[in-house]
Each structure stands twice: as structure tokens, then as C-alpha cells.
């Protein structure tokens, strides 16, 4: 085998590698198109909760969008996840710090 063969093989590997990296997001979109809404909302749990609560707690958000998302959350997600999203939304709307949370917990425990 000659150096020309290795150079050509290296070029092909590089071109196919770059093509795979470029086409992977499109493949992800096509595969996601065949999933149900429940499967799409179920994964990934941490990002979903944060994104949904950001959308719900943002002060300038359109009311129709907020009510649509809230209805979708209530209809599609487990009740425990709905409660977590509502708690995170309340936490973000009040813009409470962890010190505020601790002091409220201590005040309620002593009362």
C-alpha cells in the first residue's frame, strides 16, 4: 500500500465524518417526527422543567401561549411533574433567594 492510498483513505474518512456531523441534527429531527407528544415531553426531564418554567414565569409572555402550555402540561404530564413545574414557576416569579426560602422554612417550623 502506498502513501497515496492512505492519503485518499484519510480524505474519505474526513469527508464522511464531517458529513455525519452535519447530517446528524436532521436525522434527529426526522426520528423525533415519529414520536408521540408524550414521548417528546418525557425526555429530557431536567431541561423540560426548566424551559417550561422559564416560559411560564417570564413576565412579558403572551397569555394565550401561557394558557396553552399550562393546559398541555396538565394534560400530558404526571401529576408529580406538574407540581414540580408549578413550584419552580412560583419560585421564579417570586424571585426568591435560597436565604429567603430557608428563613421562610425556619419561620414556619418555629410557628
PDB file of N, CA and C in Angstrom:
ATOM      1  N   UNK A   1       0.838  -1.168   0.000  1.00  0.00           N
ATOM      2  CA  UNK A   1       0.000   0.000   0.000  1.00  0.00           C
ATOM      3  C   UNK A   1       0.890   1.240   0.000  1.00  0.00           C
ATOM      4  N   UNK A   2       0.477   2.209  -0.763  1.00  0.00           N
ATOM      5  CA  UNK A   2       1.294   3.408  -0.924  1.00  0.00           C
ATOM      6  C   UNK A   2       0.719   4.563  -0.111  1.00  0.00           C
ATOM      7  N   UNK A   3       1.514   5.634  -0.067  1.00  0.00           N
ATOM      8  CA  UNK A   3       1.080   6.825   0.653  1.00  0.00           C
ATOM      9  C   UNK A   3      -0.139   7.462  -0.006  1.00  0.00           C
ATOM     10  N   UNK A   4      -0.249   7.331  -1.298  1.00  0.00           N
ATOM     11  CA  UNK A   4      -1.412   7.889  -1.999  1.00  0.00           C
ATOM     12  C   UNK A   4      -2.699   7.204  -1.523  1.00  0.00           C
ATOM     13  N   UNK A   5      -2.625   5.908  -1.293  1.00  0.00           N
ATOM     14  CA  UNK A   5      -3.801   5.176  -0.798  1.00  0.00           C
ATOM     15  C   UNK A   5      -4.203   5.679   0.581  1.00  0.00           C
ATOM     16  N   UNK A   6      -3.232   5.847   1.469  1.00  0.00           N
ATOM     17  CA  UNK A   6      -3.521   6.332   2.817  1.00  0.00           C
ATOM     18  C   UNK A   6      -4.067   7.757   2.802  1.00  0.00           C
ATOM     19  N   UNK A   7      -3.520   8.590   1.940  1.00  0.00           N
ATOM     20  CA  UNK A   7      -3.999   9.958   1.823  1.00  0.00           C
ATOM     21  C   UNK A   7      -5.450   9.982   1.330  1.00  0.00           C
ATOM     22  N   UNK A   8      -5.739   9.172   0.324  1.00  0.00           N
ATOM     23  CA  UNK A   8      -7.107   9.099  -0.201  1.00  0.00           C
ATOM     24  C   UNK A   8      -8.063   8.536   0.849  1.00  0.00           C
ATOM     25  N   UNK A   9      -7.651   7.503   1.561  1.00  0.00           N
ATOM     26  CA  UNK A   9      -8.491   6.918   2.606  1.00  0.00           C
ATOM     27  C   UNK A   9      -8.727   7.937   3.721  1.00  0.00           C
ATOM     28  N   UNK A  10      -7.720   8.683   4.086  1.00  0.00           N
ATOM     29  CA  UNK A  10      -7.859   9.715   5.108  1.00  0.00           C
ATOM     30  C   UNK A  10      -8.832  10.800   4.694  1.00  0.00           C
ATOM     31  N   UNK A  11      -8.772  11.193   3.429  1.00  0.00           N
ATOM     32  CA  UNK A  11      -9.702  12.199   2.928  1.00  0.00           C
ATOM     33  C   UNK A  11     -11.137  11.695   2.993  1.00  0.00           C
ATOM     34  N   UNK A  12     -11.345  10.448   2.583  1.00  0.00           N
ATOM     35  CA  UNK A  12     -12.693   9.882   2.628  1.00  0.00           C
ATOM     36  C   UNK A  12     -13.216   9.802   4.064  1.00  0.00           C
ATOM     37  N   UNK A  13     -12.362   9.403   4.990  1.00  0.00           N
ATOM     38  CA  UNK A  13     -12.767   9.327   6.391  1.00  0.00           C
ATOM     39  C   UNK A  13     -13.132  10.717   6.911  1.00  0.00           C
ATOM     40  N   UNK A  14     -12.331  11.711   6.564  1.00  0.00           N
ATOM     41  CA  UNK A  14     -12.599  13.078   6.987  1.00  0.00           C
ATOM     42  C   UNK A  14     -13.910  13.599   6.394  1.00  0.00           C
ATOM     43  N   UNK A  15     -14.130  13.360   5.099  1.00  0.00           N
ATOM     44  CA  UNK A  15     -15.350  13.836   4.445  1.00  0.00           C
ATOM     45  C   UNK A  15     -16.575  13.147   5.029  1.00  0.00           C
ATOM     46  N   UNK A  16     -16.512  11.827   5.246  1.00  0.00           N
ATOM     47  CA  UNK A  16     -17.653  11.123   5.823  1.00  0.00           C
ATOM     48  C   UNK A  16     -17.897  11.534   7.274  1.00  0.00           C
ATOM     49  N   UNK A  17     -16.847  11.804   8.006  1.00  0.00           N
ATOM     50  CA  UNK A  17     -17.003  12.265   9.391  1.00  0.00           C
ATOM     51  C   UNK A  17     -17.683  13.621   9.466  1.00  0.00           C
ATOM     52  N   UNK A  18     -17.267  14.566   8.620  1.00  0.00           N
ATOM     53  CA  UNK A  18     -17.888  15.889   8.596  1.00  0.00           C
ATOM     54  C   UNK A  18     -19.341  15.774   8.126  1.00  0.00           C
ATOM     55  N   UNK A  19     -19.596  14.941   7.132  1.00  0.00           N
ATOM     56  CA  UNK A  19     -20.968  14.754   6.649  1.00  0.00           C
ATOM     57  C   UNK A  19     -21.860  14.181   7.742  1.00  0.00           C
ATOM     58  N   UNK A  20     -21.342  13.258   8.531  1.00  0.00           N
ATOM     59  CA  UNK A  20     -22.113  12.689   9.635  1.00  0.00           C
ATOM     60  C   UNK A  20     -22.450  13.749  10.670  1.00  0.00           C
ATOM     61  N   UNK A  21     -21.484  14.590  10.996  1.00  0.00           N
ATOM     62  CA  UNK A  21     -21.715  15.654  11.980  1.00  0.00           C
ATOM     63  C   UNK A  21     -22.745  16.652  11.460  1.00  0.00           C
ATOM     64  N   UNK A  22     -22.701  16.962  10.169  1.00  0.00           N
ATOM     65  CA  UNK A  22     -23.642  17.920   9.599  1.00  0.00           C
ATOM     66  C   UNK A  22     -25.041  17.325   9.493  1.00  0.00           C
ATOM     67  N   UNK A  23     -25.153  16.046   9.149  1.00  0.00           N
ATOM     68  CA  UNK A  23     -26.458  15.436   8.919  1.00  0.00           C
ATOM     69  C   UNK A  23     -27.117  14.882  10.182  1.00  0.00           C
ATOM     70  N   UNK A  24     -26.387  14.752  11.268  1.00  0.00           N
ATOM     71  CA  UNK A  24     -26.943  14.194  12.492  1.00  0.00           C
ATOM     72  C   UNK A  24     -28.133  14.983  13.035  1.00  0.00           C
ATOM     73  N   UNK A  25     -28.120  16.328  13.078  1.00  0.00           N
ATOM     74  CA  UNK A  25     -29.314  17.049  13.551  1.00  0.00           C
ATOM     75  C   UNK A  25     -30.554  16.795  12.680  1.00  0.00           C
ATOM     76  N   UNK A  26     -30.368  16.672  11.377  1.00  0.00           N
ATOM     77  CA  UNK A  26     -31.509  16.392  10.504  1.00  0.00           C
ATOM     78  C   UNK A  26     -32.073  15.001  10.779  1.00  0.00           C
ATOM     79  N   UNK A  27     -31.193  14.043  11.031  1.00  0.00           N
ATOM     80  CA  UNK A  27     -31.642  12.704  11.377  1.00  0.00           C
ATOM     81  C   UNK A  27     -32.420  12.730  12.693  1.00  0.00           C
ATOM     82  N   UNK A  28     -31.951  13.523  13.660  1.00  0.00           N
ATOM     83  CA  UNK A  28     -32.630  13.669  14.945  1.00  0.00           C
ATOM     84  C   UNK A  28     -34.043  14.215  14.753  1.00  0.00           C
ATOM     85  N   UNK A  29     -34.184  15.213  13.884  1.00  0.00           N
ATOM     86  CA  UNK A  29     -35.498  15.811  13.633  1.00  0.00           C
ATOM     87  C   UNK A  29     -36.430  14.801  12.976  1.00  0.00           C
ATOM     88  N   UNK A  30     -35.923  14.052  12.011  1.00  0.00           N
ATOM     89  CA  UNK A  30     -36.759  13.060  11.323  1.00  0.00           C
ATOM     90  C   UNK A  30     -37.203  11.977  12.302  1.00  0.00           C
ATOM     91  N   UNK A  31     -36.302  11.505  13.142  1.00  0.00           N
ATOM     92  CA  UNK A  31     -36.675  10.477  14.110  1.00  0.00           C
ATOM     93  C   UNK A  31     -37.646  11.021  15.161  1.00  0.00           C
ATOM     94  N   UNK A  32     -37.510  12.287  15.528  1.00  0.00           N
ATOM     95  CA  UNK A  32     -38.418  12.883  16.501  1.00  0.00           C
ATOM     96  C   UNK A  32     -39.818  13.082  15.926  1.00  0.00           C
ATOM     97  N   UNK A  33     -39.913  13.192  14.620  1.00  0.00           N
ATOM     98  CA  UNK A  33     -41.217  13.409  13.990  1.00  0.00           C
ATOM     99  C   UNK A  33     -42.137  12.200  14.157  1.00  0.00           C
ATOM    100  N   UNK A  34     -41.581  11.034  14.384  1.00  0.00           N
ATOM    101  CA  UNK A  34     -42.381   9.827  14.512  1.00  0.00           C
ATOM    102  C   UNK A  34     -42.713   9.487  15.968  1.00  0.00           C
ATOM    103  N   UNK A  35     -42.343  10.350  16.897  1.00  0.00           N
ATOM    104  CA  UNK A  35     -42.655  10.119  18.308  1.00  0.00           C
ATOM    105  C   UNK A  35     -43.960  10.801  18.667  1.00  0.00           C
ATOM    106  N   UNK A  36     -44.609  10.289  19.689  1.00  0.00           N
ATOM    107  CA  UNK A  36     -45.831  10.934  20.174  1.00  0.00           C
ATOM    108  C   UNK A  36     -45.459  12.149  21.015  1.00  0.00           C
ATOM    109  N   UNK A  37     -46.455  12.985  21.305  1.00  0.00           N
ATOM    110  CA  UNK A  37     -46.192  14.178  22.117  1.00  0.00           C
ATOM    111  C   UNK A  37     -45.730  13.796  23.525  1.00  0.00           C
ATOM    112  N   UNK A  38     -46.301  12.722  24.057  1.00  0.00           N
ATOM    113  CA  UNK A  38     -45.917  12.298  25.411  1.00  0.00           C
ATOM    114  C   UNK A  38     -44.451  11.870  25.443  1.00  0.00           C
ATOM    115  N   UNK A  39     -43.995  11.173  24.404  1.00  0.00           N
ATOM    116  CA  UNK A  39     -42.588  10.762  24.367  1.00  0.00           C
ATOM    117  C   UNK A  39     -41.668  11.960  24.224  1.00  0.00           C
ATOM    118  N   UNK A  40     -42.084  12.950  23.458  1.00  0.00           N
ATOM    119  CA  UNK A  40     -41.252  14.137  23.297  1.00  0.00           C
ATOM    120  C   UNK A  40     -41.176  14.951  24.580  1.00  0.00           C
ATOM    121  N   UNK A  41     -42.288  15.026  25.315  1.00  0.00           N
ATOM    122  CA  UNK A  41     -42.296  15.798  26.554  1.00  0.00           C
ATOM    123  C   UNK A  41     -41.616  15.067  27.707  1.00  0.00           C
ATOM    124  N   UNK A  42     -41.548  13.746  27.621  1.00  0.00           N
ATOM    125  CA  UNK A  42     -40.967  12.966  28.710  1.00  0.00           C
ATOM    126  C   UNK A  42     -39.452  13.092  28.753  1.00  0.00           C
ATOM    127  N   UNK A  43     -38.799  13.350  27.662  1.00  0.00           N
ATOM    128  CA  UNK A  43     -37.341  13.364  27.608  1.00  0.00           C
ATOM    129  C   UNK A  43     -36.852  14.698  27.110  1.00  0.00           C
ATOM    130  N   UNK A  44     -35.878  15.268  27.653  1.00  0.00           N
ATOM    131  CA  UNK A  44     -35.140  15.097  28.901  1.00  0.00           C
ATOM    132  C   UNK A  44     -35.830  15.838  30.038  1.00  0.00           C
ATOM    133  N   UNK A  45     -35.962  15.225  31.194  1.00  0.00           N
ATOM    134  CA  UNK A  45     -36.779  15.803  32.255  1.00  0.00           C
ATOM    135  C   UNK A  45     -36.234  17.112  32.835  1.00  0.00           C
ATOM    136  N   UNK A  46     -34.949  17.249  33.018  1.00  0.00           N
ATOM    137  CA  UNK A  46     -34.420  18.461  33.643  1.00  0.00           C
ATOM    138  C   UNK A  46     -34.547  19.667  32.732  1.00  0.00           C
ATOM    139  N   UNK A  47     -34.233  19.502  31.471  1.00  0.00           N
ATOM    140  CA  UNK A  47     -34.324  20.611  30.534  1.00  0.00           C
ATOM    141  C   UNK A  47     -35.782  21.013  30.355  1.00  0.00           C
ATOM    142  N   UNK A  48     -36.658  20.037  30.280  1.00  0.00           N
ATOM    143  CA  UNK A  48     -38.072  20.330  30.060  1.00  0.00           C
ATOM    144  C   UNK A  48     -38.625  21.186  31.194  1.00  0.00           C
ATOM    145  N   UNK A  49     -38.352  20.826  32.414  1.00  0.00           N
ATOM    146  CA  UNK A  49     -38.898  21.574  33.544  1.00  0.00           C
ATOM    147  C   UNK A  49     -38.377  23.010  33.548  1.00  0.00           C
ATOM    148  N   UNK A  50     -37.104  23.149  33.288  1.00  0.00           N
ATOM    149  CA  UNK A  50     -36.520  24.483  33.279  1.00  0.00           C
ATOM    150  C   UNK A  50     -37.081  25.324  32.142  1.00  0.00           C
ATOM    151  N   UNK A  51     -37.178  24.747  30.959  1.00  0.00           N
ATOM    152  CA  UNK A  51     -37.690  25.510  29.820  1.00  0.00           C
ATOM    153  C   UNK A  51     -39.155  25.867  29.998  1.00  0.00           C
ATOM    154  N   UNK A  52     -39.932  24.932  30.485  1.00  0.00           N
ATOM    155  CA  UNK A  52     -41.361  25.198  30.675  1.00  0.00           C
ATOM    156  C   UNK A  52     -41.566  26.259  31.742  1.00  0.00           C
ATOM    157  N   UNK A  53     -40.821  26.165  32.825  1.00  0.00           N
ATOM    158  CA  UNK A  53     -40.994  27.173  33.879  1.00  0.00           C
ATOM    159  C   UNK A  53     -40.478  28.532  33.437  1.00  0.00           C
ATOM    160  N   UNK A  54     -39.433  28.566  32.614  1.00  0.00           N
ATOM    161  CA  UNK A  54     -38.984  29.849  32.071  1.00  0.00           C
ATOM    162  C   UNK A  54     -40.079  30.477  31.226  1.00  0.00           C
ATOM    163  N   UNK A  55     -40.731  29.673  30.416  1.00  0.00           N
ATOM    164  CA  UNK A  55     -41.798  30.175  29.563  1.00  0.00           C
ATOM    165  C   UNK A  55     -42.974  30.668  30.394  1.00  0.00           C
ATOM    166  N   UNK A  56     -43.328  29.929  31.435  1.00  0.00           N
ATOM    167  CA  UNK A  56     -44.488  30.296  32.250  1.00  0.00           C
ATOM    168  C   UNK A  56     -44.211  31.486  33.164  1.00  0.00           C
ATOM    169  N   UNK A  57     -42.987  31.640  33.621  1.00  0.00           N
ATOM    170  CA  UNK A  57     -42.677  32.679  34.601  1.00  0.00           C
ATOM    171  C   UNK A  57     -42.202  33.986  33.965  1.00  0.00           C
ATOM    172  N   UNK A  58     -41.912  33.986  32.679  1.00  0.00           N
ATOM    173  CA  UNK A  58     -41.418  35.199  32.028  1.00  0.00           C
ATOM    174  C   UNK A  58     -42.511  36.260  32.040  1.00  0.00           C
ATOM    175  N   UNK A  59     -42.229  37.475  32.523  1.00  0.00           N
ATOM    176  CA  UNK A  59     -43.288  38.466  32.703  1.00  0.00           C
ATOM    177  C   UNK A  59     -43.929  38.969  31.410  1.00  0.00           C
ATOM    178  N   UNK A  60     -43.223  39.026  30.294  1.00  0.00           N
ATOM    179  CA  UNK A  60     -43.778  39.587  29.075  1.00  0.00           C
ATOM    180  C   UNK A  60     -44.391  38.560  28.139  1.00  0.00           C
ATOM    181  N   UNK A  61     -44.643  37.372  28.622  1.00  0.00           N
ATOM    182  CA  UNK A  61     -45.141  36.284  27.763  1.00  0.00           C
ATOM    183  C   UNK A  61     -46.618  36.488  27.409  1.00  0.00           C
ATOM    184  N   UNK A  62     -46.994  36.070  26.212  1.00  0.00           N
ATOM    185  CA  UNK A  62     -48.367  36.172  25.744  1.00  0.00           C
ATOM    186  C   UNK A  62     -49.268  35.261  26.582  1.00  0.00           C
ATOM    187  N   UNK A  63     -50.426  35.754  26.984  1.00  0.00           N
ATOM    188  CA  UNK A  63     -51.328  34.988  27.857  1.00  0.00           C
ATOM    189  C   UNK A  63     -51.850  33.721  27.181  1.00  0.00           C
ATOM    190  N   UNK A  64     -52.114  33.802  25.886  1.00  0.00           N
ATOM    191  CA  UNK A  64     -52.619  32.625  25.175  1.00  0.00           C
ATOM    192  C   UNK A  64     -51.571  31.520  25.137  1.00  0.00           C
ATOM    193  N   UNK A  65     -50.306  31.893  24.921  1.00  0.00           N
ATOM    194  CA  UNK A  65     -49.236  30.899  24.911  1.00  0.00           C
ATOM    195  C   UNK A  65     -49.083  30.258  26.279  1.00  0.00           C
ATOM    196  N   UNK A  66     -49.144  31.066  27.331  1.00  0.00           N
ATOM    197  CA  UNK A  66     -49.012  30.538  28.687  1.00  0.00           C
ATOM    198  C   UNK A  66     -50.161  29.593  29.006  1.00  0.00           C
ATOM    199  N   UNK A  67     -51.376  29.957  28.641  1.00  0.00           N
ATOM    200  CA  UNK A  67     -52.513  29.074  28.933  1.00  0.00           C
ATOM    201  C   UNK A  67     -52.447  27.802  28.098  1.00  0.00           C
ATOM    202  N   UNK A  68     -51.970  27.897  26.854  1.00  0.00           N
ATOM    203  CA  UNK A  68     -51.812  26.700  26.026  1.00  0.00           C
ATOM    204  C   UNK A  68     -50.787  25.746  26.627  1.00  0.00           C
ATOM    205  N   UNK A  69     -49.640  26.280  27.017  1.00  0.00           N
ATOM    206  CA  UNK A  69     -48.577  25.444  27.596  1.00  0.00           C
ATOM    207  C   UNK A  69     -49.038  24.857  28.920  1.00  0.00           C
ATOM    208  N   UNK A  70     -49.719  25.656  29.731  1.00  0.00           N
ATOM    209  CA  UNK A  70     -50.211  25.150  31.013  1.00  0.00           C
ATOM    210  C   UNK A  70     -51.207  24.003  30.804  1.00  0.00           C
ATOM    211  N   UNK A  71     -52.108  24.142  29.831  1.00  0.00           N
ATOM    212  CA  UNK A  71     -53.059  23.072  29.527  1.00  0.00           C
ATOM    213  C   UNK A  71     -52.376  21.823  29.015  1.00  0.00           C
ATOM    214  N   UNK A  72     -51.357  22.002  28.186  1.00  0.00           N
ATOM    215  CA  UNK A  72     -50.608  20.856  27.670  1.00  0.00           C
ATOM    216  C   UNK A  72     -49.860  20.147  28.790  1.00  0.00           C
ATOM    217  N   UNK A  73     -49.294  20.922  29.706  1.00  0.00           N
ATOM    218  CA  UNK A  73     -48.589  20.332  30.847  1.00  0.00           C
ATOM    219  C   UNK A  73     -49.558  19.529  31.703  1.00  0.00           C
ATOM    220  N   UNK A  74     -50.719  20.098  31.979  1.00  0.00           N
ATOM    221  CA  UNK A  74     -51.715  19.409  32.814  1.00  0.00           C
ATOM    222  C   UNK A  74     -52.223  18.131  32.146  1.00  0.00           C
ATOM    223  N   UNK A  75     -52.381  18.169  30.828  1.00  0.00           N
ATOM    224  CA  UNK A  75     -52.958  17.027  30.123  1.00  0.00           C
ATOM    225  C   UNK A  75     -51.958  15.900  29.889  1.00  0.00           C
ATOM    226  N   UNK A  76     -50.694  16.229  29.668  1.00  0.00           N
ATOM    227  CA  UNK A  76     -49.746  15.222  29.200  1.00  0.00           C
ATOM    228  C   UNK A  76     -48.793  14.693  30.261  1.00  0.00           C
ATOM    229  N   UNK A  77     -48.562  15.433  31.321  1.00  0.00           N
ATOM    230  CA  UNK A  77     -47.515  15.039  32.269  1.00  0.00           C
ATOM    231  C   UNK A  77     -48.110  14.434  33.535  1.00  0.00           C
ATOM    232  N   UNK A  78     -47.260  13.704  34.248  1.00  0.00           N
ATOM    233  CA  UNK A  78     -47.661  13.105  35.521  1.00  0.00           C
ATOM    234  C   UNK A  78     -47.963  14.201  36.543  1.00  0.00           C
ATOM    235  N   UNK A  79     -48.848  13.929  37.487  1.00  0.00           N
ATOM    236  CA  UNK A  79     -49.185  14.950  38.500  1.00  0.00           C
ATOM    237  C   UNK A  79     -47.981  15.403  39.318  1.00  0.00           C
ATOM    238  N   UNK A  80     -47.047  14.515  39.614  1.00  0.00           N
ATOM    239  CA  UNK A  80     -45.872  14.933  40.392  1.00  0.00           C
ATOM    240  C   UNK A  80     -45.012  15.914  39.595  1.00  0.00           C
ATOM    241  N   UNK A  81     -44.894  15.694  38.298  1.00  0.00           N
ATOM    242  CA  UNK A  81     -44.110  16.606  37.458  1.00  0.00           C
ATOM    243  C   UNK A  81     -44.827  17.951  37.344  1.00  0.00           C
ATOM    244  N   UNK A  82     -46.156  17.919  37.274  1.00  0.00           N
ATOM    245  CA  UNK A  82     -46.934  19.162  37.210  1.00  0.00           C
ATOM    246  C   UNK A  82     -46.710  19.984  38.474  1.00  0.00           C
ATOM    247  N   UNK A  83     -46.709  19.325  39.624  1.00  0.00           N
ATOM    248  CA  UNK A  83     -46.470  20.028  40.887  1.00  0.00           C
ATOM    249  C   UNK A  83     -45.060  20.619  40.907  1.00  0.00           C
ATOM    250  N   UNK A  84     -44.070  19.864  40.429  1.00  0.00           N
ATOM    251  CA  UNK A  84     -42.699  20.378  40.374  1.00  0.00           C
ATOM    252  C   UNK A  84     -42.618  21.609  39.481  1.00  0.00           C
ATOM    253  N   UNK A  85     -43.296  21.572  38.343  1.00  0.00           N
ATOM    254  CA  UNK A  85     -43.273  22.712  37.426  1.00  0.00           C
ATOM    255  C   UNK A  85     -43.959  23.917  38.067  1.00  0.00           C
ATOM    256  N   UNK A  86     -45.074  23.693  38.746  1.00  0.00           N
ATOM    257  CA  UNK A  86     -45.766  24.799  39.410  1.00  0.00           C
ATOM    258  C   UNK A  86     -44.906  25.401  40.521  1.00  0.00           C
ATOM    259  N   UNK A  87     -44.207  24.556  41.275  1.00  0.00           N
ATOM    260  CA  UNK A  87     -43.336  25.068  42.335  1.00  0.00           C
ATOM    261  C   UNK A  87     -42.179  25.875  41.760  1.00  0.00           C
ATOM    262  N   UNK A  88     -41.575  25.369  40.690  1.00  0.00           N
ATOM    263  CA  UNK A  88     -40.478  26.105  40.056  1.00  0.00           C
ATOM    264  C   UNK A  88     -40.969  27.429  39.480  1.00  0.00           C
ATOM    265  N   UNK A  89     -42.157  27.415  38.896  1.00  0.00           N
ATOM    266  CA  UNK A  89     -42.720  28.653  38.348  1.00  0.00           C
ATOM    267  C   UNK A  89     -42.947  29.683  39.458  1.00  0.00           C
ATOM    268  N   UNK A  90     -43.519  29.242  40.559  1.00  0.00           N
ATOM    269  CA  UNK A  90     -43.754  30.142  41.686  1.00  0.00           C
ATOM    270  C   UNK A  90     -42.438  30.676  42.234  1.00  0.00           C
ATOM    271  N   UNK A  91     -41.454  29.805  42.333  1.00  0.00           N
ATOM    272  CA  UNK A  91     -40.129  30.194  42.816  1.00  0.00           C
ATOM    273  C   UNK A  91     -39.523  31.265  41.911  1.00  0.00           C
ATOM    274  N   UNK A  92     -39.652  31.073  40.586  1.00  0.00           N
ATOM    275  CA  UNK A  92     -39.073  32.040  39.643  1.00  0.00           C
ATOM    276  C   UNK A  92     -39.856  33.343  39.617  1.00  0.00           C
ATOM    277  N   UNK A  93     -41.170  33.272  39.763  1.00  0.00           N
ATOM    278  CA  UNK A  93     -41.964  34.506  39.744  1.00  0.00           C
ATOM    279  C   UNK A  93     -41.688  35.371  40.958  1.00  0.00           C
ATOM    280  N   UNK A  94     -41.499  34.747  42.096  1.00  0.00           N
ATOM    281  CA  UNK A  94     -41.233  35.497  43.324  1.00  0.00           C
ATOM    282  C   UNK A  94     -39.789  35.945  43.408  1.00  0.00           C
ATOM    283  N   UNK A  95     -38.934  35.374  42.582  1.00  0.00           N
ATOM    284  CA  UNK A  95     -37.502  35.689  42.559  1.00  0.00           C
ATOM    285  C   UNK A  95     -36.910  35.615  43.969  1.00  0.00           C
ATOM    286  N   UNK A  96     -37.205  34.512  44.606  1.00  0.00           N
ATOM    287  CA  UNK A  96     -36.734  34.301  45.961  1.00  0.00           C
ATOM    288  C   UNK A  96     -35.320  33.737  45.925  1.00  0.00           C
ATOM    289  N   UNK A  97     -34.530  34.120  46.877  1.00  0.00           N
ATOM    290  CA  UNK A  97     -33.205  33.540  47.018  1.00  0.00           C
ATOM    291  C   UNK A  97     -33.293  32.343  47.954  1.00  0.00           C
ATOM    292  N   UNK A  98     -32.236  31.583  48.016  1.00  0.00           N
ATOM    293  CA  UNK A  98     -32.220  30.434  48.918  1.00  0.00           C
ATOM    294  C   UNK A  98     -32.279  30.890  50.374  1.00  0.00           C
ATOM    295  N   UNK A  99     -31.746  32.062  50.667  1.00  0.00           N
ATOM    296  CA  UNK A  99     -31.828  32.601  52.029  1.00  0.00           C
ATOM    297  C   UNK A  99     -33.282  32.881  52.399  1.00  0.00           C
ATOM    298  N   UNK A 100     -34.060  33.407  51.431  1.00  0.00           N
ATOM    299  CA  UNK A 100     -35.488  33.646  51.689  1.00  0.00           C
ATOM    300  C   UNK A 100     -36.221  32.333  51.943  1.00  0.00           C
ATOM    301  N   UNK A 101     -35.898  31.323  51.174  1.00  0.00           N
ATOM    302  CA  UNK A 101     -36.543  30.023  51.344  1.00  0.00           C
ATOM    303  C   UNK A 101     -36.222  29.451  52.714  1.00  0.00           C
ATOM    304  N   UNK A 102     -34.954  29.510  53.111  1.00  0.00           N
ATOM    305  CA  UNK A 102     -34.548  28.982  54.419  1.00  0.00           C
ATOM    306  C   UNK A 102     -35.223  29.740  55.559  1.00  0.00           C
ATOM    307  N   UNK A 103     -35.257  31.067  55.442  1.00  0.00           N
ATOM    308  CA  UNK A 103     -35.878  31.847  56.521  1.00  0.00           C
ATOM    309  C   UNK A 103     -37.379  31.558  56.606  1.00  0.00           C
ATOM    310  N   UNK A 104     -38.046  31.380  55.452  1.00  0.00           N
ATOM    311  CA  UNK A 104     -39.477  31.024  55.493  1.00  0.00           C
ATOM    312  C   UNK A 104     -39.691  29.660  56.118  1.00  0.00           C
ATOM    313  N   UNK A 105     -38.825  28.704  55.792  1.00  0.00           N
ATOM    314  CA  UNK A 105     -38.944  27.367  56.382  1.00  0.00           C
ATOM    315  C   UNK A 105     -38.698  27.400  57.879  1.00  0.00           C
ATOM    316  N   UNK A 106     -37.701  28.170  58.324  1.00  0.00           N
ATOM    317  CA  UNK A 106     -37.420  28.275  59.746  1.00  0.00           C
ATOM    318  C   UNK A 106     -38.557  28.978  60.489  1.00  0.00           C
ATOM    319  N   UNK A 107     -39.121  30.001  59.885  1.00  0.00           N
ATOM    320  CA  UNK A 107     -40.230  30.724  60.498  1.00  0.00           C
ATOM    321  C   UNK A 107     -41.444  29.811  60.648  1.00  0.00           C
ATOM    322  N   UNK A 108     -41.723  29.004  59.621  1.00  0.00           N
ATOM    323  CA  UNK A 108     -42.869  28.102  59.691  1.00  0.00           C
ATOM    324  C   UNK A 108     -42.631  26.960  60.673  1.00  0.00           C
ATOM    325  N   UNK A 109     -41.374  26.534  60.785  1.00  0.00           N
ATOM    326  CA  UNK A 109     -41.059  25.444  61.726  1.00  0.00           C
ATOM    327  C   UNK A 109     -41.186  25.931  63.168  1.00  0.00           C
ATOM    328  N   UNK A 110     -40.835  27.179  63.419  1.00  0.00           N
ATOM    329  CA  UNK A 110     -40.907  27.703  64.786  1.00  0.00           C
ATOM    330  C   UNK A 110     -42.328  28.124  65.161  1.00  0.00           C
ATOM    331  N   UNK A 111     -43.173  28.350  64.184  1.00  0.00           N
ATOM    332  CA  UNK A 111     -44.555  28.784  64.479  1.00  0.00           C
ATOM    333  C   UNK A 111     -45.461  27.659  64.868  1.00  0.00           C
TER     334      UNK A 111
END
